[in-house]
N, C-alpha and C. Protein backbone atom coordinates (compact mmCIF):
# COMPACT_ATOMS: atom_id res chain seq x y z
N MET A 1 48.48 88.85 132.20
CA MET A 1 49.92 89.06 132.20
C MET A 1 50.42 89.03 133.64
N THR A 2 51.37 88.20 133.90
CA THR A 2 51.97 88.14 135.22
C THR A 2 53.13 89.13 135.27
N ILE A 3 53.12 89.94 136.30
CA ILE A 3 54.24 90.88 136.47
C ILE A 3 55.04 90.45 137.69
N ASN A 4 56.33 90.49 137.52
CA ASN A 4 57.24 90.03 138.57
C ASN A 4 58.03 91.24 139.07
N GLY A 5 57.66 91.72 140.25
CA GLY A 5 58.31 92.89 140.81
C GLY A 5 59.79 92.70 141.04
N SER A 6 60.15 91.55 141.59
CA SER A 6 61.57 91.32 141.87
C SER A 6 62.36 91.23 140.57
N GLY A 7 61.73 90.71 139.51
CA GLY A 7 62.41 90.62 138.21
C GLY A 7 62.67 91.99 137.62
N ILE A 8 61.70 92.88 137.74
CA ILE A 8 61.85 94.24 137.22
C ILE A 8 62.99 94.95 137.94
N PHE A 9 62.98 94.87 139.25
CA PHE A 9 64.01 95.56 140.02
C PHE A 9 65.38 94.93 139.84
N ALA A 10 65.43 93.60 139.77
CA ALA A 10 66.70 92.91 139.57
C ALA A 10 67.30 93.29 138.21
N SER A 11 66.47 93.35 137.19
CA SER A 11 66.96 93.72 135.85
C SER A 11 67.51 95.14 135.84
N ALA A 12 66.77 96.06 136.44
CA ALA A 12 67.20 97.45 136.47
C ALA A 12 68.52 97.61 137.25
N MET A 13 68.60 96.98 138.40
CA MET A 13 69.81 97.12 139.22
C MET A 13 71.01 96.41 138.59
N ALA A 14 70.77 95.26 137.99
CA ALA A 14 71.88 94.54 137.33
C ALA A 14 72.42 95.36 136.17
N GLY A 15 71.52 95.98 135.42
CA GLY A 15 71.96 96.82 134.30
C GLY A 15 72.77 98.02 134.75
N LEU A 16 72.31 98.68 135.81
CA LEU A 16 73.05 99.83 136.34
C LEU A 16 74.42 99.39 136.86
N ASN A 17 74.44 98.29 137.61
CA ASN A 17 75.70 97.79 138.17
C ASN A 17 76.67 97.39 137.06
N ASN A 18 76.18 96.67 136.06
CA ASN A 18 77.02 96.23 134.95
C ASN A 18 77.60 97.42 134.19
N THR A 19 76.77 98.42 133.94
CA THR A 19 77.24 99.62 133.23
C THR A 19 78.32 100.32 134.05
N PHE A 20 78.09 100.45 135.35
CA PHE A 20 79.10 101.08 136.22
C PHE A 20 80.41 100.30 136.17
N VAL A 21 80.33 98.98 136.33
CA VAL A 21 81.54 98.14 136.36
C VAL A 21 82.32 98.26 135.04
N GLN A 22 81.58 98.21 133.92
CA GLN A 22 82.26 98.29 132.62
C GLN A 22 82.94 99.65 132.43
N LEU A 23 82.26 100.70 132.82
CA LEU A 23 82.85 102.04 132.67
C LEU A 23 84.02 102.25 133.62
N ALA A 24 83.94 101.68 134.80
CA ALA A 24 84.98 101.91 135.82
C ALA A 24 86.24 101.07 135.58
N LYS A 25 86.18 100.12 134.64
CA LYS A 25 87.37 99.31 134.37
C LYS A 25 88.51 100.22 133.94
N GLY A 26 89.64 100.04 134.59
CA GLY A 26 90.82 100.83 134.27
C GLY A 26 90.87 102.18 134.97
N SER A 27 89.82 102.52 135.73
CA SER A 27 89.82 103.79 136.45
C SER A 27 90.82 103.70 137.60
N THR A 28 91.63 104.73 137.75
CA THR A 28 92.64 104.73 138.81
C THR A 28 92.01 104.89 140.19
N THR A 29 90.85 105.54 140.26
CA THR A 29 90.20 105.77 141.55
C THR A 29 89.10 104.76 141.85
N GLY A 30 88.70 104.00 140.85
CA GLY A 30 87.61 103.04 141.03
C GLY A 30 86.25 103.69 140.92
N GLY A 31 86.22 104.99 140.66
CA GLY A 31 84.97 105.70 140.53
C GLY A 31 84.82 106.29 139.14
N LEU A 32 83.69 106.93 138.93
CA LEU A 32 83.40 107.55 137.64
C LEU A 32 82.99 109.00 137.83
N THR A 33 83.57 109.86 137.01
CA THR A 33 83.15 111.26 137.01
C THR A 33 81.99 111.39 136.03
N LEU A 34 81.30 112.51 136.10
CA LEU A 34 80.22 112.77 135.17
C LEU A 34 80.74 112.78 133.74
N GLU A 35 81.92 113.32 133.54
CA GLU A 35 82.55 113.36 132.21
C GLU A 35 82.79 111.95 131.67
N GLN A 36 83.22 111.03 132.52
CA GLN A 36 83.47 109.66 132.08
C GLN A 36 82.18 108.93 131.71
N ILE A 37 81.09 109.33 132.33
CA ILE A 37 79.81 108.70 132.01
C ILE A 37 79.21 109.30 130.75
N THR A 38 79.25 110.63 130.64
CA THR A 38 78.63 111.28 129.47
C THR A 38 79.46 111.11 128.21
N ASN A 39 80.77 110.96 128.34
CA ASN A 39 81.66 110.76 127.19
C ASN A 39 82.55 109.54 127.42
N PRO A 40 81.94 108.36 127.42
CA PRO A 40 82.75 107.17 127.70
C PRO A 40 83.76 106.92 126.59
N ASP A 41 84.83 106.27 126.97
CA ASP A 41 85.87 105.88 126.03
C ASP A 41 85.24 105.05 124.91
N THR A 42 85.49 105.45 123.66
CA THR A 42 84.90 104.77 122.50
C THR A 42 85.21 103.28 122.51
N GLU A 43 86.39 102.92 122.94
CA GLU A 43 86.78 101.51 122.99
C GLU A 43 85.87 100.73 123.95
N LYS A 44 85.57 101.34 125.10
CA LYS A 44 84.69 100.67 126.07
C LYS A 44 83.28 100.52 125.51
N VAL A 45 82.81 101.54 124.81
CA VAL A 45 81.47 101.48 124.21
C VAL A 45 81.40 100.33 123.21
N ASN A 46 82.43 100.19 122.40
CA ASN A 46 82.46 99.14 121.38
C ASN A 46 82.66 97.76 121.99
N ILE A 47 83.57 97.63 122.93
CA ILE A 47 83.87 96.33 123.52
C ILE A 47 82.72 95.82 124.38
N TYR A 48 82.20 96.68 125.25
CA TYR A 48 81.22 96.24 126.24
C TYR A 48 79.77 96.46 125.81
N ASN A 49 79.58 97.07 124.63
CA ASN A 49 78.24 97.31 124.13
C ASN A 49 77.37 97.96 125.21
N LEU A 50 77.82 99.08 125.71
CA LEU A 50 77.16 99.77 126.82
C LEU A 50 75.75 100.22 126.43
N ASN A 51 74.84 100.09 127.34
CA ASN A 51 73.44 100.43 127.13
C ASN A 51 73.24 101.92 127.40
N SER A 52 72.77 102.64 126.40
CA SER A 52 72.61 104.10 126.52
C SER A 52 71.58 104.49 127.58
N GLY A 53 70.57 103.64 127.80
CA GLY A 53 69.56 103.95 128.82
C GLY A 53 70.15 103.97 130.22
N PHE A 54 71.03 103.02 130.51
CA PHE A 54 71.67 103.00 131.83
C PHE A 54 72.66 104.16 131.96
N LEU A 55 73.36 104.47 130.88
CA LEU A 55 74.27 105.63 130.89
C LEU A 55 73.47 106.91 131.16
N GLN A 56 72.33 107.04 130.51
CA GLN A 56 71.49 108.22 130.70
C GLN A 56 71.00 108.31 132.14
N TYR A 57 70.61 107.18 132.74
CA TYR A 57 70.14 107.18 134.12
C TYR A 57 71.26 107.65 135.05
N LEU A 58 72.47 107.12 134.86
CA LEU A 58 73.60 107.53 135.70
C LEU A 58 73.91 109.01 135.50
N THR A 59 73.79 109.50 134.29
CA THR A 59 74.05 110.91 134.00
C THR A 59 73.00 111.80 134.65
N THR A 60 71.74 111.47 134.41
CA THR A 60 70.63 112.27 134.92
C THR A 60 70.62 112.33 136.45
N ASN A 61 70.98 111.24 137.07
CA ASN A 61 70.90 111.15 138.54
C ASN A 61 72.26 111.25 139.21
N PHE A 62 73.26 111.74 138.50
CA PHE A 62 74.62 111.75 139.01
C PHE A 62 74.73 112.40 140.39
N SER A 63 74.21 113.60 140.52
CA SER A 63 74.39 114.33 141.79
C SER A 63 73.68 113.64 142.96
N SER A 64 72.55 113.00 142.70
CA SER A 64 71.87 112.30 143.80
C SER A 64 72.54 110.97 144.11
N ILE A 65 73.22 110.37 143.14
CA ILE A 65 73.94 109.12 143.39
C ILE A 65 75.25 109.39 144.12
N ASP A 66 75.92 110.49 143.78
CA ASP A 66 77.19 110.87 144.42
C ASP A 66 76.91 111.44 145.80
N LYS A 67 76.63 110.55 146.74
CA LYS A 67 76.21 110.95 148.09
C LYS A 67 77.26 111.76 148.85
N ASP A 68 78.53 111.42 148.66
CA ASP A 68 79.56 112.15 149.41
C ASP A 68 80.01 113.43 148.71
N GLY A 69 79.49 113.68 147.51
CA GLY A 69 79.76 114.94 146.82
C GLY A 69 81.19 115.11 146.36
N ASP A 70 81.91 114.02 146.17
CA ASP A 70 83.32 114.14 145.76
C ASP A 70 83.49 114.24 144.24
N GLY A 71 82.39 114.28 143.50
CA GLY A 71 82.48 114.41 142.05
C GLY A 71 82.65 113.09 141.32
N GLU A 72 82.55 111.99 142.06
CA GLU A 72 82.66 110.66 141.46
C GLU A 72 81.59 109.75 142.04
N ILE A 73 81.12 108.86 141.19
CA ILE A 73 80.28 107.77 141.68
C ILE A 73 81.22 106.59 141.89
N ASN A 74 81.29 106.12 143.14
CA ASN A 74 82.14 104.96 143.42
C ASN A 74 81.25 103.77 143.81
N SER A 75 81.86 102.65 144.10
CA SER A 75 81.08 101.45 144.41
C SER A 75 80.21 101.63 145.65
N SER A 76 80.67 102.42 146.60
CA SER A 76 79.87 102.69 147.80
C SER A 76 78.62 103.49 147.43
N ASP A 77 78.79 104.50 146.57
CA ASP A 77 77.64 105.29 146.11
C ASP A 77 76.64 104.41 145.36
N LEU A 78 77.17 103.53 144.53
CA LEU A 78 76.30 102.64 143.76
C LEU A 78 75.56 101.67 144.68
N SER A 79 76.24 101.18 145.68
CA SER A 79 75.62 100.28 146.65
C SER A 79 74.47 100.98 147.37
N LYS A 80 74.68 102.22 147.75
CA LYS A 80 73.63 103.00 148.41
C LYS A 80 72.45 103.23 147.47
N LEU A 81 72.74 103.45 146.18
CA LEU A 81 71.67 103.61 145.20
C LEU A 81 70.84 102.34 145.13
N MET A 82 71.49 101.19 145.07
CA MET A 82 70.78 99.91 144.99
C MET A 82 69.91 99.69 146.23
N GLN A 83 70.44 100.01 147.40
CA GLN A 83 69.67 99.87 148.63
C GLN A 83 68.45 100.80 148.61
N ASN A 84 68.65 102.01 148.13
CA ASN A 84 67.56 102.98 148.06
C ASN A 84 66.48 102.52 147.08
N ILE A 85 66.89 102.00 145.93
CA ILE A 85 65.92 101.49 144.96
C ILE A 85 65.14 100.33 145.56
N SER A 86 65.83 99.42 146.24
CA SER A 86 65.16 98.27 146.86
C SER A 86 64.16 98.70 147.93
N ARG A 87 64.55 99.67 148.71
CA ARG A 87 63.72 100.11 149.83
C ARG A 87 62.59 101.06 149.38
N SER A 88 62.93 102.07 148.59
CA SER A 88 61.98 103.12 148.25
C SER A 88 61.25 102.91 146.94
N GLY A 89 61.80 102.12 146.05
CA GLY A 89 61.16 101.86 144.77
C GLY A 89 61.62 102.80 143.68
N LEU A 90 60.90 102.76 142.59
CA LEU A 90 61.21 103.57 141.40
C LEU A 90 59.99 104.39 141.01
N SER A 91 60.24 105.60 140.54
CA SER A 91 59.16 106.46 140.07
C SER A 91 58.75 106.03 138.66
N TYR A 92 57.67 106.57 138.18
CA TYR A 92 57.19 106.29 136.84
C TYR A 92 58.27 106.62 135.82
N ASP A 93 58.85 107.83 135.94
CA ASP A 93 59.89 108.26 134.99
C ASP A 93 61.13 107.37 135.05
N GLU A 94 61.50 106.93 136.24
CA GLU A 94 62.67 106.04 136.36
C GLU A 94 62.39 104.69 135.70
N ILE A 95 61.18 104.20 135.86
CA ILE A 95 60.84 102.92 135.22
C ILE A 95 60.84 103.08 133.70
N VAL A 96 60.31 104.20 133.21
CA VAL A 96 60.34 104.47 131.77
C VAL A 96 61.80 104.50 131.29
N GLN A 97 62.63 105.22 132.01
CA GLN A 97 64.04 105.37 131.61
C GLN A 97 64.78 104.03 131.66
N LEU A 98 64.64 103.30 132.74
CA LEU A 98 65.34 102.03 132.87
C LEU A 98 64.70 100.95 132.00
N GLY A 99 63.40 101.04 131.80
CA GLY A 99 62.71 100.07 130.95
C GLY A 99 63.04 100.23 129.48
N SER A 100 63.39 101.45 129.09
CA SER A 100 63.72 101.69 127.68
C SER A 100 65.05 101.03 127.30
N THR A 101 65.74 100.51 128.27
CA THR A 101 67.02 99.85 128.00
C THR A 101 66.85 98.46 127.42
N GLY A 102 65.64 97.94 127.49
CA GLY A 102 65.38 96.59 127.00
C GLY A 102 65.60 95.53 128.06
N ALA A 103 65.98 95.94 129.27
CA ALA A 103 66.24 95.00 130.35
C ALA A 103 64.96 94.38 130.90
N ILE A 104 63.84 95.10 130.75
CA ILE A 104 62.56 94.63 131.24
C ILE A 104 61.71 94.24 130.02
N PRO A 105 61.11 93.06 130.03
CA PRO A 105 60.27 92.66 128.90
C PRO A 105 59.19 93.71 128.61
N THR A 106 58.98 94.03 127.35
CA THR A 106 58.09 95.10 126.93
C THR A 106 56.68 94.95 127.47
N GLU A 107 56.11 93.75 127.39
CA GLU A 107 54.74 93.55 127.85
C GLU A 107 54.62 93.81 129.36
N MET A 108 55.62 93.35 130.11
CA MET A 108 55.62 93.57 131.55
C MET A 108 55.77 95.06 131.86
N LEU A 109 56.67 95.72 131.14
CA LEU A 109 56.90 97.16 131.32
C LEU A 109 55.61 97.92 131.04
N ASN A 110 54.95 97.61 129.95
CA ASN A 110 53.70 98.29 129.60
C ASN A 110 52.62 98.08 130.66
N THR A 111 52.53 96.88 131.20
CA THR A 111 51.54 96.59 132.24
C THR A 111 51.82 97.43 133.49
N VAL A 112 53.07 97.45 133.91
CA VAL A 112 53.44 98.22 135.12
C VAL A 112 53.16 99.71 134.90
N LEU A 113 53.52 100.23 133.75
CA LEU A 113 53.30 101.65 133.48
C LEU A 113 51.80 101.97 133.37
N THR A 114 51.03 101.08 132.75
CA THR A 114 49.59 101.31 132.60
C THR A 114 48.90 101.35 133.96
N TYR A 115 49.29 100.46 134.86
CA TYR A 115 48.63 100.36 136.16
C TYR A 115 49.46 100.97 137.30
N PHE A 116 50.39 101.84 136.95
CA PHE A 116 51.32 102.41 137.95
C PHE A 116 50.57 102.98 139.15
N ASN A 117 49.56 103.82 138.92
CA ASN A 117 48.85 104.47 140.03
C ASN A 117 48.10 103.47 140.90
N GLU A 118 47.61 102.38 140.32
CA GLU A 118 46.94 101.35 141.11
C GLU A 118 47.96 100.52 141.90
N ILE A 119 49.11 100.29 141.31
CA ILE A 119 50.17 99.52 141.98
C ILE A 119 50.74 100.32 143.15
N ASP A 120 50.87 101.63 142.98
CA ASP A 120 51.43 102.51 144.01
C ASP A 120 50.42 102.67 145.15
N GLN A 121 50.37 101.68 146.03
CA GLN A 121 49.36 101.64 147.08
C GLN A 121 49.49 102.75 148.12
N ASP A 122 50.72 103.17 148.40
CA ASP A 122 50.88 104.23 149.41
C ASP A 122 50.91 105.63 148.78
N HIS A 123 50.75 105.70 147.47
CA HIS A 123 50.66 106.95 146.71
C HIS A 123 51.83 107.89 146.97
N ASP A 124 53.04 107.31 147.05
CA ASP A 124 54.23 108.12 147.24
C ASP A 124 54.93 108.46 145.93
N GLY A 125 54.35 108.05 144.81
CA GLY A 125 54.93 108.34 143.50
C GLY A 125 55.99 107.34 143.07
N LYS A 126 56.19 106.30 143.87
CA LYS A 126 57.15 105.25 143.55
C LYS A 126 56.50 103.90 143.82
N ILE A 127 56.95 102.90 143.07
CA ILE A 127 56.46 101.55 143.35
C ILE A 127 57.64 100.66 143.74
N THR A 128 57.34 99.76 144.64
CA THR A 128 58.35 98.82 145.12
C THR A 128 58.03 97.42 144.59
N SER A 129 58.96 96.55 144.75
CA SER A 129 58.76 95.16 144.37
C SER A 129 57.59 94.57 145.15
N ALA A 130 57.48 94.91 146.42
CA ALA A 130 56.39 94.39 147.26
C ALA A 130 55.04 94.90 146.76
N GLU A 131 54.96 96.15 146.33
CA GLU A 131 53.70 96.68 145.82
C GLU A 131 53.31 95.99 144.51
N ILE A 132 54.29 95.71 143.67
CA ILE A 132 54.00 94.99 142.42
C ILE A 132 53.49 93.59 142.74
N SER A 133 54.14 92.92 143.67
CA SER A 133 53.72 91.56 144.05
C SER A 133 52.31 91.57 144.65
N ALA A 134 52.01 92.55 145.49
CA ALA A 134 50.67 92.66 146.09
C ALA A 134 49.62 92.91 145.01
N TYR A 135 49.95 93.76 144.06
CA TYR A 135 49.03 94.05 142.96
C TYR A 135 48.78 92.77 142.15
N GLN A 136 49.83 92.02 141.87
CA GLN A 136 49.69 90.79 141.09
C GLN A 136 48.84 89.76 141.84
N MET A 137 49.06 89.65 143.14
CA MET A 137 48.26 88.71 143.94
C MET A 137 46.78 89.09 143.91
N GLU A 138 46.50 90.37 144.02
CA GLU A 138 45.11 90.85 143.99
C GLU A 138 44.49 90.59 142.61
N ALA A 139 45.25 90.82 141.56
CA ALA A 139 44.76 90.55 140.20
C ALA A 139 44.49 89.06 140.02
N ASP A 140 45.37 88.21 140.53
CA ASP A 140 45.17 86.76 140.45
C ASP A 140 43.92 86.34 141.23
N ARG A 141 43.71 86.94 142.40
CA ARG A 141 42.54 86.63 143.22
C ARG A 141 41.26 86.98 142.46
N HIS A 142 41.21 88.16 141.86
CA HIS A 142 40.03 88.58 141.09
C HIS A 142 39.79 87.64 139.91
N GLU A 143 40.86 87.25 139.25
CA GLU A 143 40.75 86.34 138.11
C GLU A 143 40.16 85.00 138.55
N MET A 144 40.64 84.47 139.67
CA MET A 144 40.13 83.19 140.16
C MET A 144 38.68 83.30 140.60
N GLU A 145 38.32 84.40 141.26
CA GLU A 145 36.94 84.59 141.69
C GLU A 145 36.01 84.61 140.47
N ASN A 146 36.40 85.31 139.44
CA ASN A 146 35.57 85.38 138.23
C ASN A 146 35.52 84.05 137.51
N LYS A 147 36.63 83.37 137.46
CA LYS A 147 36.71 82.10 136.75
C LYS A 147 35.87 81.02 137.42
N TYR A 148 35.87 81.02 138.75
CA TYR A 148 35.21 79.94 139.47
C TYR A 148 33.90 80.36 140.16
N LYS A 149 33.29 81.44 139.70
CA LYS A 149 32.03 81.88 140.28
C LYS A 149 30.96 80.80 140.19
N SER A 150 30.91 80.07 139.11
CA SER A 150 29.87 79.06 138.93
C SER A 150 30.10 77.81 139.77
N PHE A 151 31.21 77.73 140.46
CA PHE A 151 31.52 76.55 141.26
C PHE A 151 31.26 76.77 142.75
N GLN A 152 30.38 77.69 143.09
CA GLN A 152 30.10 77.95 144.50
C GLN A 152 29.26 76.82 145.07
N ALA A 153 29.49 76.54 146.33
CA ALA A 153 28.74 75.48 147.00
C ALA A 153 27.28 75.88 147.15
N SER A 154 26.40 74.89 147.12
CA SER A 154 24.98 75.16 147.31
C SER A 154 24.55 74.58 148.66
N SER A 155 23.33 74.91 149.05
CA SER A 155 22.84 74.40 150.33
C SER A 155 22.15 73.04 150.16
N ILE A 156 22.12 72.53 148.95
CA ILE A 156 21.48 71.24 148.69
C ILE A 156 22.55 70.15 148.68
N SER A 157 22.29 69.09 149.40
CA SER A 157 23.20 67.95 149.37
C SER A 157 22.38 66.68 149.23
N THR A 158 22.99 65.66 148.67
CA THR A 158 22.31 64.40 148.46
C THR A 158 22.99 63.35 149.31
N PHE A 159 22.16 62.51 149.96
CA PHE A 159 22.70 61.46 150.81
C PHE A 159 22.10 60.13 150.37
N TYR A 160 22.96 59.17 150.14
CA TYR A 160 22.52 57.82 149.78
C TYR A 160 23.01 56.87 150.86
N ALA A 161 22.07 56.25 151.55
CA ALA A 161 22.43 55.28 152.59
C ALA A 161 22.73 53.94 151.96
N ASP A 162 23.35 53.10 152.74
CA ASP A 162 23.65 51.73 152.29
C ASP A 162 22.33 51.02 151.99
N GLU A 163 22.23 50.38 150.84
CA GLU A 163 20.97 49.74 150.45
C GLU A 163 20.58 48.58 151.36
N ASN A 164 21.52 48.03 152.10
CA ASN A 164 21.23 46.94 153.02
C ASN A 164 20.91 47.43 154.42
N ALA A 165 20.77 48.73 154.57
CA ALA A 165 20.52 49.30 155.89
C ALA A 165 19.14 48.88 156.39
N THR A 166 19.07 48.53 157.64
CA THR A 166 17.81 48.09 158.24
C THR A 166 17.10 49.23 158.95
N LYS A 167 17.68 50.36 158.95
CA LYS A 167 17.15 51.50 159.68
C LYS A 167 16.96 52.65 158.70
N ASP A 168 16.03 53.53 158.98
CA ASP A 168 15.80 54.70 158.15
C ASP A 168 16.68 55.83 158.68
N TYR A 169 17.53 56.38 157.83
CA TYR A 169 18.44 57.46 158.24
C TYR A 169 17.97 58.76 157.62
N SER A 170 17.88 59.78 158.43
CA SER A 170 17.42 61.07 157.91
C SER A 170 18.58 61.96 157.46
N SER A 171 19.80 61.65 157.86
CA SER A 171 20.94 62.47 157.43
C SER A 171 22.19 61.62 157.38
N VAL A 172 23.19 62.15 156.75
CA VAL A 172 24.47 61.46 156.66
C VAL A 172 25.09 61.31 158.05
N LEU A 173 24.83 62.27 158.94
CA LEU A 173 25.38 62.19 160.29
C LEU A 173 24.76 61.03 161.06
N ASP A 174 23.45 60.82 160.88
CA ASP A 174 22.79 59.68 161.55
C ASP A 174 23.37 58.36 161.05
N TYR A 175 23.67 58.30 159.77
CA TYR A 175 24.22 57.08 159.18
C TYR A 175 25.66 56.86 159.63
N LYS A 176 26.45 57.90 159.56
CA LYS A 176 27.89 57.79 159.87
C LYS A 176 28.14 57.61 161.36
N TYR A 177 27.33 58.29 162.19
CA TYR A 177 27.53 58.26 163.64
C TYR A 177 26.22 57.86 164.32
N PRO A 178 25.86 56.62 164.23
CA PRO A 178 24.59 56.18 164.82
C PRO A 178 24.64 56.29 166.36
N THR A 179 23.51 56.58 166.92
CA THR A 179 23.41 56.63 168.38
C THR A 179 23.07 55.24 168.88
N ASN A 180 23.29 54.99 170.13
CA ASN A 180 22.99 53.68 170.70
C ASN A 180 21.57 53.61 171.23
N ASN A 181 20.75 54.48 170.74
CA ASN A 181 19.35 54.53 171.17
C ASN A 181 18.60 53.36 170.52
N THR A 182 18.15 52.44 171.31
CA THR A 182 17.49 51.23 170.80
C THR A 182 16.00 51.43 170.62
N SER A 183 15.45 52.57 170.94
CA SER A 183 14.01 52.80 170.83
C SER A 183 13.55 52.96 169.39
N THR A 184 14.44 53.17 168.43
CA THR A 184 14.00 53.33 167.04
C THR A 184 14.03 52.07 166.27
């Protein structure tokens, strides 16, 4: 299974951004309060088919997303969240929460969650797109090594000289690069 780190992060961030944009439509301040996220307008839910997983993420992480503490998540707060996710990565629980939205293919999500601790190379409890890519490259390398083990070079080589050769050649180098030594 090939896992694409940038795809996982792009899907998660696009879903969060889309949910924010849909909820913020018609907002006089351009931001969202916790109340607007936890109890969205029924019309918006029906029209935009809002994803409950992204709503839950915004609700659960509201205070950490609202960096300026004004009681609203605005586009600047969301931009900072996206930068933080890109730079610092996502925890196991965040991937479970955002992956449950259906934005990440199930097989890929299961692979990332199964190998989370191996992917998390710096053991900070979060994985980044770069760590996922490095893990995938290492997995591909191991697969190729196992697949092509029987194709290793040997120390035996065969040399066939030209049948019209008037001289006896002991190696391919003697044949390809003859010396001007006339004593032989």
